[in-house]
N, C-alpha and C. Protein backbone atom coordinates (compact mmCIF):
# COMPACT_ATOMS: atom_id res chain seq x y z
N MET A 1 -27.78 -25.32 -2.12
CA MET A 1 -26.90 -27.04 -1.23
C MET A 1 -27.60 -27.60 -0.81
N SER A 2 -26.97 -28.99 -0.95
CA SER A 2 -27.62 -30.48 -0.95
C SER A 2 -27.38 -30.59 0.71
N ARG A 3 -27.88 -31.10 0.95
CA ARG A 3 -27.90 -32.00 2.54
C ARG A 3 -27.32 -33.36 1.98
N LEU A 4 -26.08 -33.99 3.06
CA LEU A 4 -25.58 -34.97 2.71
C LEU A 4 -25.02 -35.68 4.27
N LEU A 5 -26.18 -36.84 4.30
CA LEU A 5 -25.32 -37.38 5.66
C LEU A 5 -24.84 -38.43 5.30
N LEU A 6 -23.46 -38.41 6.23
CA LEU A 6 -22.57 -39.64 6.20
C LEU A 6 -23.04 -40.50 7.77
N PHE A 7 -23.44 -41.73 7.44
CA PHE A 7 -24.11 -42.24 8.54
C PHE A 7 -23.16 -43.48 8.63
N ASN A 8 -22.85 -44.22 9.90
CA ASN A 8 -22.03 -45.58 9.97
C ASN A 8 -23.27 -46.39 10.33
N LYS A 9 -23.82 -47.05 9.35
CA LYS A 9 -24.65 -48.19 9.48
C LYS A 9 -24.06 -49.54 10.33
N PRO A 10 -24.21 -49.65 11.64
CA PRO A 10 -24.31 -50.98 12.29
C PRO A 10 -24.85 -51.94 11.32
N PHE A 11 -23.93 -53.31 12.09
CA PHE A 11 -24.61 -54.30 11.83
C PHE A 11 -26.03 -54.92 11.86
N GLY A 12 -26.80 -55.49 11.03
CA GLY A 12 -27.95 -55.77 11.21
C GLY A 12 -28.91 -54.94 11.02
N VAL A 13 -28.74 -53.90 10.15
CA VAL A 13 -29.76 -52.55 10.15
C VAL A 13 -30.04 -52.74 8.52
N LEU A 14 -31.37 -52.46 8.28
CA LEU A 14 -31.70 -52.42 6.71
C LEU A 14 -31.50 -51.04 6.39
N SER A 15 -31.06 -50.95 5.01
CA SER A 15 -30.75 -49.77 4.36
C SER A 15 -31.98 -48.68 4.09
N GLN A 16 -33.03 -48.88 4.65
CA GLN A 16 -34.22 -48.34 4.58
C GLN A 16 -34.98 -47.84 5.43
N PHE A 17 -35.77 -46.64 5.45
CA PHE A 17 -36.50 -45.92 6.54
C PHE A 17 -37.65 -46.79 7.33
N THR A 18 -38.49 -48.00 6.45
CA THR A 18 -39.11 -49.35 6.85
C THR A 18 -38.84 -50.64 6.59
N ASP A 19 -39.31 -51.14 7.08
CA ASP A 19 -39.07 -52.98 7.23
C ASP A 19 -40.91 -53.57 6.87
N HIS A 20 -40.87 -53.67 5.36
CA HIS A 20 -42.08 -54.42 4.92
C HIS A 20 -42.39 -55.42 4.70
N GLY A 21 -40.85 -56.35 4.54
CA GLY A 21 -40.76 -57.80 4.39
C GLY A 21 -40.39 -58.69 5.50
N SER A 22 -41.13 -58.51 6.67
CA SER A 22 -40.59 -59.35 7.65
C SER A 22 -41.38 -59.25 8.99
N PRO A 23 -42.28 -60.46 9.06
CA PRO A 23 -42.75 -60.70 10.20
C PRO A 23 -42.29 -60.11 11.74
N THR A 24 -40.99 -59.98 11.79
CA THR A 24 -40.37 -59.45 13.08
C THR A 24 -40.27 -58.08 12.21
N MET A 25 -39.93 -57.09 13.21
CA MET A 25 -39.56 -55.87 13.08
C MET A 25 -37.95 -55.96 13.08
N ARG A 26 -37.41 -55.29 12.16
CA ARG A 26 -35.75 -55.34 11.76
C ARG A 26 -35.61 -54.12 11.99
N ALA A 27 -34.42 -53.38 12.51
CA ALA A 27 -33.76 -52.20 12.45
C ALA A 27 -33.84 -51.75 11.51
N THR A 28 -34.32 -50.21 11.08
CA THR A 28 -34.10 -49.63 9.89
C THR A 28 -33.58 -48.21 10.33
N LEU A 29 -33.33 -47.54 9.55
CA LEU A 29 -32.57 -46.19 9.04
C LEU A 29 -33.56 -45.20 10.46
N SER A 30 -34.99 -45.21 10.15
CA SER A 30 -35.70 -44.32 11.16
C SER A 30 -35.43 -44.68 12.41
N ASP A 31 -34.63 -46.12 12.85
CA ASP A 31 -34.37 -46.15 14.38
C ASP A 31 -33.32 -44.67 14.85
N PHE A 32 -32.18 -44.57 13.37
CA PHE A 32 -31.11 -43.85 13.67
C PHE A 32 -31.12 -42.49 13.72
N ILE A 33 -32.05 -42.36 12.01
CA ILE A 33 -31.97 -40.96 11.57
C ILE A 33 -33.50 -40.02 11.61
N GLY A 34 -33.41 -39.16 12.09
CA GLY A 34 -34.81 -38.10 12.16
C GLY A 34 -34.85 -37.11 11.53
N VAL A 35 -34.06 -37.24 10.55
CA VAL A 35 -34.04 -36.12 9.82
C VAL A 35 -34.95 -36.09 8.43
N LYS A 36 -36.11 -35.65 8.48
CA LYS A 36 -36.83 -35.67 7.38
C LYS A 36 -35.97 -34.98 6.04
N GLY A 37 -36.89 -36.05 4.88
CA GLY A 37 -36.49 -35.38 3.76
C GLY A 37 -34.95 -36.28 3.24
N VAL A 38 -34.45 -36.66 3.45
CA VAL A 38 -33.34 -37.09 3.06
C VAL A 38 -33.22 -38.61 2.37
N TYR A 39 -33.44 -39.65 1.65
CA TYR A 39 -33.19 -40.88 1.30
C TYR A 39 -31.90 -41.62 1.07
N PRO A 40 -31.49 -42.91 0.87
CA PRO A 40 -30.06 -43.40 0.91
C PRO A 40 -29.67 -43.26 -0.28
N ALA A 41 -28.62 -42.83 -0.90
CA ALA A 41 -28.18 -42.55 -1.84
C ALA A 41 -27.41 -44.23 -2.23
N GLY A 42 -27.89 -45.29 -2.57
CA GLY A 42 -27.49 -46.39 -2.61
C GLY A 42 -28.04 -47.34 -1.87
N ARG A 43 -27.18 -48.65 -1.34
CA ARG A 43 -27.77 -49.37 -0.29
C ARG A 43 -26.21 -50.27 0.51
N LEU A 44 -26.74 -51.02 1.39
CA LEU A 44 -25.36 -51.00 1.84
C LEU A 44 -26.50 -52.99 2.63
N ASP A 45 -25.71 -53.94 2.55
CA ASP A 45 -26.56 -54.90 2.74
C ASP A 45 -26.54 -54.91 4.65
N ARG A 46 -27.47 -55.76 4.78
CA ARG A 46 -28.27 -55.92 6.42
C ARG A 46 -26.73 -56.31 6.91
N ASP A 47 -26.36 -57.55 6.63
CA ASP A 47 -24.87 -57.85 7.35
C ASP A 47 -23.60 -57.09 6.72
N SER A 48 -23.70 -55.62 6.52
CA SER A 48 -22.39 -55.23 6.25
C SER A 48 -22.75 -53.80 7.57
N GLU A 49 -21.52 -53.35 7.35
CA GLU A 49 -21.65 -52.37 8.40
C GLU A 49 -20.85 -50.86 7.53
N GLY A 50 -20.64 -49.94 8.10
CA GLY A 50 -20.04 -48.63 7.47
C GLY A 50 -20.95 -47.84 6.36
N LEU A 51 -20.31 -46.97 5.95
CA LEU A 51 -20.76 -45.98 5.18
C LEU A 51 -21.35 -46.11 4.53
N LEU A 52 -23.09 -44.91 4.89
CA LEU A 52 -24.09 -45.01 3.72
C LEU A 52 -24.48 -43.61 3.69
N LEU A 53 -24.61 -43.29 2.57
CA LEU A 53 -24.94 -41.59 2.52
C LEU A 53 -26.16 -41.46 1.94
N LEU A 54 -26.88 -40.20 2.76
CA LEU A 54 -28.16 -40.23 2.54
C LEU A 54 -28.58 -38.40 1.87
N THR A 55 -28.98 -38.26 1.26
CA THR A 55 -29.39 -37.03 0.75
C THR A 55 -30.42 -36.59 0.38
N ASP A 56 -30.41 -35.19 0.50
CA ASP A 56 -32.28 -34.46 0.04
C ASP A 56 -32.11 -34.34 -1.65
N ASP A 57 -30.91 -34.54 -2.22
CA ASP A 57 -30.82 -33.77 -3.49
C ASP A 57 -31.06 -35.32 -4.53
N GLY A 58 -32.22 -35.40 -5.39
CA GLY A 58 -32.02 -36.49 -6.28
C GLY A 58 -31.25 -36.59 -7.10
N ARG A 59 -30.55 -35.26 -7.72
CA ARG A 59 -29.23 -35.47 -9.07
C ARG A 59 -28.33 -35.87 -8.02
N LEU A 60 -27.86 -35.64 -6.76
CA LEU A 60 -26.53 -35.74 -6.52
C LEU A 60 -26.53 -37.27 -6.04
N GLN A 61 -27.99 -38.27 -5.34
CA GLN A 61 -28.33 -39.37 -5.02
C GLN A 61 -28.25 -40.27 -5.96
N ALA A 62 -28.53 -40.00 -7.24
CA ALA A 62 -28.27 -40.64 -8.38
C ALA A 62 -26.95 -40.51 -8.99
N ARG A 63 -26.13 -39.44 -9.00
CA ARG A 63 -24.57 -39.36 -8.70
C ARG A 63 -23.62 -40.32 -7.90
N ILE A 64 -24.22 -40.26 -6.94
CA ILE A 64 -23.48 -41.14 -5.87
C ILE A 64 -23.73 -42.64 -6.01
N ALA A 65 -25.31 -43.17 -6.27
CA ALA A 65 -25.53 -44.55 -6.56
C ALA A 65 -25.82 -45.36 -8.04
N ASP A 66 -25.42 -44.07 -9.04
CA ASP A 66 -25.33 -44.91 -10.44
C ASP A 66 -23.98 -45.20 -10.96
N PRO A 67 -23.97 -46.81 -10.89
CA PRO A 67 -22.55 -47.32 -11.38
C PRO A 67 -21.81 -46.49 -12.53
N ARG A 68 -22.38 -45.99 -13.26
CA ARG A 68 -21.96 -45.23 -14.69
C ARG A 68 -21.09 -44.15 -14.53
N PHE A 69 -21.31 -43.36 -12.78
CA PHE A 69 -20.04 -42.22 -12.18
C PHE A 69 -19.10 -43.23 -12.11
N LYS A 70 -19.05 -44.37 -11.73
CA LYS A 70 -18.22 -45.28 -11.28
C LYS A 70 -17.43 -44.84 -9.91
N LEU A 71 -17.98 -43.72 -9.14
CA LEU A 71 -17.51 -43.96 -7.75
C LEU A 71 -16.74 -44.76 -6.78
N PRO A 72 -16.01 -44.47 -6.37
CA PRO A 72 -15.06 -45.56 -5.95
C PRO A 72 -15.45 -45.79 -4.68
N LYS A 73 -15.54 -46.94 -3.86
CA LYS A 73 -16.06 -47.41 -3.09
C LYS A 73 -15.14 -48.36 -2.38
N THR A 74 -14.52 -47.91 -1.28
CA THR A 74 -13.31 -48.97 -0.63
C THR A 74 -14.23 -49.63 0.86
N TYR A 75 -13.82 -50.54 1.06
CA TYR A 75 -14.29 -51.42 1.74
C TYR A 75 -13.19 -52.40 2.37
N LEU A 76 -13.46 -52.31 3.92
CA LEU A 76 -12.53 -53.50 4.88
C LEU A 76 -13.19 -54.42 5.05
N VAL A 77 -12.34 -55.67 4.73
CA VAL A 77 -12.82 -56.96 4.64
C VAL A 77 -11.96 -57.97 5.06
N GLN A 78 -12.64 -58.74 6.34
CA GLN A 78 -11.89 -59.51 6.93
C GLN A 78 -12.53 -60.76 6.56
N VAL A 79 -11.59 -61.83 5.97
CA VAL A 79 -11.69 -62.85 5.18
C VAL A 79 -11.32 -63.91 5.87
N GLU A 80 -11.88 -65.17 5.74
CA GLU A 80 -11.58 -66.20 6.13
C GLU A 80 -9.97 -66.81 5.16
N GLY A 81 -9.09 -67.08 6.06
CA GLY A 81 -7.99 -67.59 5.30
C GLY A 81 -6.70 -66.65 5.12
N ASP A 82 -5.88 -67.03 4.34
CA ASP A 82 -4.39 -66.19 4.58
C ASP A 82 -4.56 -65.81 2.89
N PRO A 83 -4.77 -64.42 2.41
CA PRO A 83 -4.66 -64.27 0.97
C PRO A 83 -3.12 -64.32 0.68
N GLN A 84 -3.05 -65.24 -0.65
CA GLN A 84 -1.64 -64.83 -1.27
C GLN A 84 -1.85 -64.46 -2.37
N GLU A 85 -0.96 -63.88 -3.52
CA GLU A 85 -0.54 -63.27 -4.48
C GLU A 85 -1.73 -63.65 -5.58
N PRO A 86 -2.00 -64.70 -6.14
CA PRO A 86 -2.86 -65.31 -6.56
C PRO A 86 -4.36 -65.07 -6.62
N GLU A 87 -5.05 -65.33 -5.40
CA GLU A 87 -6.05 -64.85 -5.33
C GLU A 87 -6.45 -63.31 -5.18
N LEU A 88 -5.68 -62.31 -4.42
CA LEU A 88 -5.29 -60.83 -4.65
C LEU A 88 -5.07 -60.68 -6.45
N GLU A 89 -4.71 -60.95 -7.33
CA GLU A 89 -4.25 -60.62 -8.47
C GLU A 89 -5.50 -60.91 -9.38
N ARG A 90 -6.16 -62.24 -8.89
CA ARG A 90 -7.50 -62.46 -9.70
C ARG A 90 -8.57 -61.58 -9.38
N LEU A 91 -8.45 -60.73 -8.15
CA LEU A 91 -9.50 -59.65 -7.71
C LEU A 91 -9.06 -58.63 -8.58
N ARG A 92 -7.71 -58.36 -8.53
CA ARG A 92 -7.27 -56.88 -9.27
C ARG A 92 -7.77 -57.41 -10.79
N GLN A 93 -7.85 -58.38 -11.49
CA GLN A 93 -8.06 -58.27 -12.63
C GLN A 93 -9.67 -58.08 -12.94
N GLY A 94 -10.33 -58.81 -12.09
CA GLY A 94 -11.64 -58.83 -12.32
C GLY A 94 -11.98 -60.46 -12.11
N VAL A 95 -13.23 -60.71 -11.40
CA VAL A 95 -13.78 -61.89 -10.91
C VAL A 95 -15.02 -62.35 -11.90
N ARG A 96 -14.88 -63.50 -12.52
CA ARG A 96 -16.03 -63.72 -13.21
C ARG A 96 -17.05 -64.68 -11.96
N LEU A 97 -18.14 -63.69 -12.05
CA LEU A 97 -19.27 -64.24 -11.05
C LEU A 97 -20.72 -64.91 -12.12
N LYS A 98 -21.21 -65.19 -11.36
CA LYS A 98 -22.72 -65.89 -11.94
C LYS A 98 -23.42 -64.45 -12.90
N ASP A 99 -23.24 -63.01 -12.56
CA ASP A 99 -24.00 -62.18 -13.55
C ASP A 99 -22.51 -61.40 -14.51
N GLY A 100 -21.91 -62.28 -14.80
CA GLY A 100 -20.36 -61.49 -15.35
C GLY A 100 -19.24 -61.09 -14.54
N MET A 101 -18.39 -60.81 -15.56
CA MET A 101 -17.11 -60.31 -14.92
C MET A 101 -17.26 -58.99 -14.44
N THR A 102 -16.59 -58.84 -13.06
CA THR A 102 -16.61 -57.68 -12.55
C THR A 102 -15.01 -56.57 -12.86
N LEU A 103 -15.56 -55.32 -12.86
CA LEU A 103 -14.45 -54.69 -13.34
C LEU A 103 -13.41 -55.06 -12.03
N PRO A 104 -12.05 -54.60 -12.75
CA PRO A 104 -10.68 -55.04 -12.05
C PRO A 104 -10.81 -53.96 -10.63
N ALA A 105 -10.72 -54.36 -9.61
CA ALA A 105 -10.38 -53.79 -8.14
C ALA A 105 -9.35 -53.38 -7.60
N GLU A 106 -9.05 -52.63 -6.65
CA GLU A 106 -7.59 -52.19 -6.29
C GLU A 106 -7.98 -52.94 -5.11
N VAL A 107 -6.75 -54.00 -4.81
CA VAL A 107 -6.63 -54.62 -3.72
C VAL A 107 -5.49 -54.84 -3.15
N ALA A 108 -5.24 -55.00 -1.64
CA ALA A 108 -4.11 -54.90 -0.54
C ALA A 108 -4.80 -55.78 0.57
N CYS A 109 -3.63 -56.29 1.16
CA CYS A 109 -3.53 -56.70 2.41
C CYS A 109 -3.15 -56.06 3.44
N ILE A 110 -4.06 -56.17 4.29
CA ILE A 110 -3.86 -54.85 5.24
C ILE A 110 -3.78 -55.43 6.84
N ASP A 111 -3.31 -54.74 8.11
CA ASP A 111 -3.04 -54.91 8.98
C ASP A 111 -4.74 -54.66 9.53
N ALA A 112 -4.79 -55.77 10.67
CA ALA A 112 -6.56 -55.55 11.24
C ALA A 112 -6.29 -54.07 11.79
N PRO A 113 -7.51 -53.71 11.08
CA PRO A 113 -8.00 -51.88 11.03
C PRO A 113 -8.29 -51.60 13.15
N ASP A 114 -8.26 -51.06 13.23
CA ASP A 114 -8.79 -50.49 14.66
C ASP A 114 -10.21 -50.16 14.77
N LEU A 115 -11.16 -50.85 14.46
CA LEU A 115 -12.80 -50.90 14.23
C LEU A 115 -13.38 -50.94 15.44
N TRP A 116 -14.67 -50.47 15.80
CA TRP A 116 -15.37 -50.50 16.77
C TRP A 116 -16.03 -52.11 16.58
N PRO A 117 -16.35 -52.69 17.89
CA PRO A 117 -16.70 -54.08 17.82
C PRO A 117 -17.75 -54.36 17.56
N ARG A 118 -18.01 -55.20 17.05
CA ARG A 118 -18.75 -55.98 16.11
C ARG A 118 -20.31 -56.58 16.74
N ASP A 119 -21.41 -56.13 16.56
CA ASP A 119 -22.38 -56.91 17.74
C ASP A 119 -23.35 -57.54 17.00
N PRO A 120 -23.20 -59.24 16.42
CA PRO A 120 -22.25 -60.12 17.51
C PRO A 120 -21.30 -60.20 16.58
N PRO A 121 -20.46 -60.05 17.85
CA PRO A 121 -19.19 -60.49 17.38
C PRO A 121 -18.84 -61.75 16.08
N ILE A 122 -17.54 -61.57 15.25
CA ILE A 122 -17.27 -62.74 14.20
C ILE A 122 -17.15 -63.72 14.90
N ARG A 123 -17.45 -64.76 14.74
CA ARG A 123 -16.85 -66.44 14.92
C ARG A 123 -15.52 -66.67 14.86
N GLN A 124 -14.38 -66.98 15.69
CA GLN A 124 -13.24 -67.30 15.36
C GLN A 124 -13.23 -68.36 15.45
N ARG A 125 -12.29 -69.07 14.56
CA ARG A 125 -11.93 -70.71 14.85
C ARG A 125 -10.75 -70.81 14.20
N LYS A 126 -9.75 -71.60 15.79
CA LYS A 126 -8.72 -71.68 15.80
C LYS A 126 -8.00 -72.51 14.58
N SER A 127 -8.67 -73.20 13.86
CA SER A 127 -7.69 -74.12 12.88
C SER A 127 -7.63 -73.32 11.59
N ILE A 128 -8.66 -72.13 11.39
CA ILE A 128 -8.50 -71.21 10.43
C ILE A 128 -8.35 -69.94 10.10
N PRO A 129 -7.22 -69.33 10.17
CA PRO A 129 -7.01 -68.07 10.05
C PRO A 129 -7.37 -67.07 9.27
N ASP A 130 -7.91 -65.74 9.94
CA ASP A 130 -8.81 -64.80 9.11
C ASP A 130 -7.67 -63.60 8.50
N SER A 131 -7.84 -62.94 7.92
CA SER A 131 -6.84 -61.70 7.27
C SER A 131 -7.90 -60.69 6.60
N TRP A 132 -7.13 -59.72 6.45
CA TRP A 132 -8.02 -58.44 6.13
C TRP A 132 -7.45 -57.81 4.86
N VAL A 133 -8.04 -57.51 4.24
CA VAL A 133 -7.87 -56.76 2.98
C VAL A 133 -8.44 -55.36 2.77
N LYS A 134 -8.01 -54.51 2.10
CA LYS A 134 -8.69 -53.52 1.72
C LYS A 134 -9.14 -53.53 -0.24
N ILE A 135 -10.45 -53.35 0.01
CA ILE A 135 -10.77 -53.59 -1.96
C ILE A 135 -11.77 -51.99 -2.28
N THR A 136 -11.31 -51.88 -3.27
CA THR A 136 -11.96 -50.79 -3.50
C THR A 136 -12.70 -50.82 -5.28
N ILE A 137 -14.32 -50.77 -5.16
CA ILE A 137 -14.37 -51.07 -6.68
C ILE A 137 -14.99 -49.91 -6.85
N ARG A 138 -15.32 -50.24 -8.65
CA ARG A 138 -16.27 -48.90 -9.14
C ARG A 138 -17.31 -49.27 -9.54
N GLU A 139 -18.00 -50.33 -8.89
CA GLU A 139 -19.73 -50.54 -9.62
C GLU A 139 -20.31 -50.94 -8.51
N GLY A 140 -21.36 -51.68 -8.53
CA GLY A 140 -22.46 -51.64 -6.97
C GLY A 140 -23.17 -53.09 -7.31
N ARG A 141 -22.62 -54.26 -7.20
CA ARG A 141 -23.87 -55.32 -7.79
C ARG A 141 -24.46 -55.90 -6.54
N ASN A 142 -25.30 -56.41 -6.52
CA ASN A 142 -25.94 -57.14 -5.17
C ASN A 142 -24.97 -58.04 -4.43
N ARG A 143 -24.17 -57.62 -3.29
CA ARG A 143 -23.34 -58.45 -2.23
C ARG A 143 -22.19 -58.93 -3.13
N GLN A 144 -21.64 -58.03 -4.63
CA GLN A 144 -20.47 -57.97 -4.92
C GLN A 144 -19.38 -58.29 -4.18
N VAL A 145 -18.86 -57.30 -2.98
CA VAL A 145 -17.53 -57.45 -2.56
C VAL A 145 -17.56 -59.03 -2.36
N ARG A 146 -18.46 -59.59 -1.09
CA ARG A 146 -18.69 -60.71 -0.61
C ARG A 146 -18.65 -62.07 -1.81
N ARG A 147 -19.24 -61.90 -3.22
CA ARG A 147 -19.15 -62.61 -3.81
C ARG A 147 -18.35 -62.57 -4.54
N MET A 148 -17.07 -61.58 -4.61
CA MET A 148 -15.84 -61.49 -5.23
C MET A 148 -14.49 -62.40 -4.61
N THR A 149 -14.81 -62.28 -2.87
CA THR A 149 -13.82 -62.82 -2.06
C THR A 149 -13.75 -64.49 -2.18
N ALA A 150 -15.58 -64.56 -2.25
CA ALA A 150 -16.08 -65.96 -2.04
C ALA A 150 -15.46 -67.03 -3.10
N ALA A 151 -15.74 -66.54 -5.04
CA ALA A 151 -15.22 -66.70 -5.95
C ALA A 151 -13.41 -67.08 -5.95
N VAL A 152 -12.79 -66.34 -5.01
CA VAL A 152 -11.35 -66.99 -4.94
C VAL A 152 -10.99 -67.58 -3.66
N GLY A 153 -11.88 -68.37 -2.95
CA GLY A 153 -11.97 -69.01 -2.06
C GLY A 153 -11.17 -68.10 -0.51
N LEU A 154 -11.86 -67.07 -0.67
CA LEU A 154 -11.32 -66.19 0.53
C LEU A 154 -13.10 -65.68 1.41
N PRO A 155 -13.95 -66.65 2.05
CA PRO A 155 -15.25 -65.95 1.86
C PRO A 155 -15.00 -65.06 3.21
N THR A 156 -16.10 -63.85 3.03
CA THR A 156 -15.91 -62.57 3.53
C THR A 156 -16.71 -62.79 5.16
N LEU A 157 -16.22 -62.60 6.19
CA LEU A 157 -16.24 -62.72 7.31
C LEU A 157 -16.82 -61.70 8.03
N ARG A 158 -16.73 -60.26 7.71
CA ARG A 158 -17.02 -59.21 7.97
C ARG A 158 -16.63 -57.90 6.96
N LEU A 159 -17.48 -57.07 6.83
CA LEU A 159 -17.61 -56.17 5.65
C LEU A 159 -17.57 -54.62 6.05
N VAL A 160 -16.57 -53.72 6.03
CA VAL A 160 -17.10 -52.35 6.55
C VAL A 160 -16.66 -51.76 5.23
N ARG A 161 -17.82 -50.70 4.93
CA ARG A 161 -17.77 -49.82 3.66
C ARG A 161 -17.26 -48.76 4.67
N TRP A 162 -15.73 -48.16 3.94
CA TRP A 162 -14.76 -47.29 4.91
C TRP A 162 -15.23 -46.18 4.09
N SER A 163 -15.15 -45.87 2.67
CA SER A 163 -15.45 -44.69 1.99
C SER A 163 -16.28 -45.23 0.52
N ILE A 164 -16.76 -43.46 0.15
CA ILE A 164 -17.32 -43.47 -1.15
C ILE A 164 -17.23 -42.29 -1.35
N GLY A 165 -16.14 -42.42 -2.92
CA GLY A 165 -15.62 -41.33 -2.92
C GLY A 165 -14.08 -40.91 -2.39
N ASP A 166 -14.86 -39.19 -1.88
CA ASP A 166 -13.96 -38.51 -1.06
C ASP A 166 -14.69 -38.58 0.65
N TRP A 167 -15.78 -39.09 0.39
CA TRP A 167 -16.44 -39.18 1.95
C TRP A 167 -15.73 -40.43 2.66
N THR A 168 -15.97 -40.26 3.87
CA THR A 168 -15.73 -41.37 4.91
C THR A 168 -16.26 -41.53 5.83
N VAL A 169 -16.28 -42.92 6.26
CA VAL A 169 -16.86 -43.10 7.75
C VAL A 169 -15.71 -43.24 9.06
N GLU A 170 -14.49 -42.58 8.49
CA GLU A 170 -13.52 -42.42 9.96
C GLU A 170 -14.36 -41.20 11.02
N GLY A 171 -14.02 -41.99 11.83
CA GLY A 171 -14.08 -40.68 13.46
C GLY A 171 -15.64 -41.17 13.67
N ILE A 172 -16.30 -41.49 12.73
CA ILE A 172 -17.92 -41.94 12.92
C ILE A 172 -18.68 -42.61 13.50
N ALA A 173 -18.79 -42.96 14.77
CA ALA A 173 -19.34 -44.01 16.07
C ALA A 173 -20.78 -44.59 15.20
N PRO A 174 -20.35 -46.03 14.90
CA PRO A 174 -21.73 -47.02 14.59
C PRO A 174 -23.20 -46.43 15.35
N GLY A 175 -24.05 -46.32 14.11
CA GLY A 175 -25.51 -45.76 14.52
C GLY A 175 -25.34 -43.79 14.62
N GLN A 176 -24.37 -43.29 14.41
CA GLN A 176 -24.34 -42.01 14.44
C GLN A 176 -24.07 -41.63 12.56
N PHE A 177 -24.33 -40.18 12.97
CA PHE A 177 -24.22 -39.65 11.44
C PHE A 177 -23.71 -38.65 11.82
N GLU A 178 -22.96 -37.83 10.41
CA GLU A 178 -22.25 -36.19 10.58
C GLU A 178 -22.82 -35.93 9.28
N GLU A 179 -23.49 -34.67 9.53
CA GLU A 179 -24.09 -33.67 8.53
C GLU A 179 -23.45 -32.88 7.58
N ILE A 180 -23.34 -33.11 6.09
CA ILE A 180 -22.10 -31.92 6.07
C ILE A 180 -23.55 -31.31 4.70
N PHE A 181 -22.95 -30.22 4.03
CA PHE A 181 -23.91 -29.74 2.93
C PHE A 181 -22.68 -29.37 1.61
N VAL A 182 -23.10 -29.93 0.21
CA VAL A 182 -22.30 -30.00 -0.53
C VAL A 182 -22.57 -29.51 -1.53
């Protein structure tokens, strides 16, 4: 059996156990996870929150992280603006980014989800509305969801990875993890 940790990565935490690239010490996985022998299966940007999977099984790690397996990743995304059908349809069809076209995404407007507060909080602007969309992608380019929403005129304010495949962060507090065996 393989050990799998479902970690709710807080905002500002690096998706690695050490910080070699900064003169100031930034928060890393080692600040939250004391389990030996597990490694992240993929990445989640420092300014993103939510589900990060860690495992002790190299094959499982590759299957989760490798885009060839097209494991769906669902994000709850707070965007600046009021998404209209043309922007949503562009996301559904795929968006041209500097590194090429994205695969089509599943996209829907949603009510504001009942999430934990973010620290620091999202800036609110009286003159510009914000909205929430749920986006599911099956590839994993660098900062892909942020680049996709920006490309259609909806800059991302907050990005929470909610699920990877059948695994979800639901019920796991920020900075906490749930351990399962698969």
